[in-house]
Amino acid sequence: MSILSKITEIKREFCPTLGEIDNIKIQRLVNQLKGDSEKETLVNILEWEDKNIRYPTERWIVS
């Protein structure tokens, strides 16, 4: 795989489409997560991810 095709693949995975950017639900979420500083915004995003994203079971600690 060439470097250019790999970059295109990565961009497709992580960059939102114009439709996603214009989505009113996404805009509300962005406004909800945006903080007064970059640090506060990052903390808000990490807390949101922790509450809303489930990781595969192989990442969980098995007792």
Protein backbone atom coordinates (compact mmCIF):
# COMPACT_ATOMS: atom_id res chain seq x y z
CA MET A 1 0.00 0.00 0.00
CA SER A 2 1.42 3.37 -0.97
CA ILE A 3 1.80 6.21 1.52
CA LEU A 4 -0.79 8.32 -0.32
CA SER A 5 -3.41 5.57 -0.17
CA LYS A 6 -2.65 5.01 3.53
CA ILE A 7 -3.09 8.75 4.25
CA THR A 8 -6.39 8.73 2.34
CA GLU A 9 -7.55 5.72 4.35
CA ILE A 10 -6.64 7.39 7.65
CA LYS A 11 -8.36 10.62 6.62
CA ARG A 12 -11.53 8.71 5.73
CA GLU A 13 -11.53 7.05 9.16
CA PHE A 14 -11.01 10.17 11.27
CA CYS A 15 -12.16 13.24 9.32
CA PRO A 16 -15.88 14.03 9.40
CA THR A 17 -17.84 14.46 6.20
CA LEU A 18 -19.59 17.74 5.40
CA GLY A 19 -22.88 16.07 6.24
CA GLU A 20 -21.60 15.13 9.68
CA ILE A 21 -20.32 18.66 10.30
CA ASP A 22 -23.70 20.17 9.35
CA ASN A 23 -25.68 17.68 11.48
CA ILE A 24 -27.56 19.60 14.20
CA LYS A 25 -27.03 16.79 16.76
CA ILE A 26 -23.28 16.92 16.19
CA GLN A 27 -23.29 20.71 16.52
CA ARG A 28 -25.13 20.43 19.85
CA LEU A 29 -22.63 17.86 21.10
CA VAL A 30 -19.71 20.06 20.05
CA ASN A 31 -21.18 23.01 21.95
CA GLN A 32 -21.79 20.79 24.97
CA LEU A 33 -18.18 19.53 25.02
CA LYS A 34 -16.50 22.84 24.27
CA GLY A 35 -14.87 24.30 27.39
CA ASP A 36 -13.35 27.65 28.28
CA SER A 37 -9.86 26.28 27.62
CA GLU A 38 -8.29 23.52 25.53
CA LYS A 39 -7.68 21.54 28.71
CA GLU A 40 -11.32 21.76 29.79
CA THR A 41 -12.48 20.74 26.29
CA LEU A 42 -10.18 17.71 26.34
CA VAL A 43 -11.43 16.68 29.80
CA ASN A 44 -15.03 17.02 28.60
CA ILE A 45 -14.32 14.86 25.54
CA LEU A 46 -12.57 12.18 27.60
CA GLU A 47 -15.42 12.08 30.12
CA TRP A 48 -17.96 11.83 27.29
CA GLU A 49 -15.99 8.97 25.69
CA ASP A 50 -15.78 7.15 29.03
CA LYS A 51 -19.58 7.37 29.48
CA ASN A 52 -20.59 6.63 25.88
CA ILE A 53 -18.08 4.34 24.18
CA ARG A 54 -17.83 0.67 25.03
CA TYR A 55 -14.54 -1.01 24.32
CA PRO A 56 -14.18 -4.60 23.14
CA THR A 57 -14.21 -7.15 25.94
CA GLU A 58 -10.61 -8.14 25.31
CA ARG A 59 -9.56 -4.72 26.66
CA TRP A 60 -11.41 -5.21 29.94
CA ILE A 61 -9.61 -6.46 33.00
CA VAL A 62 -10.80 -10.01 33.68
CA SER A 63 -10.93 -10.99 37.33
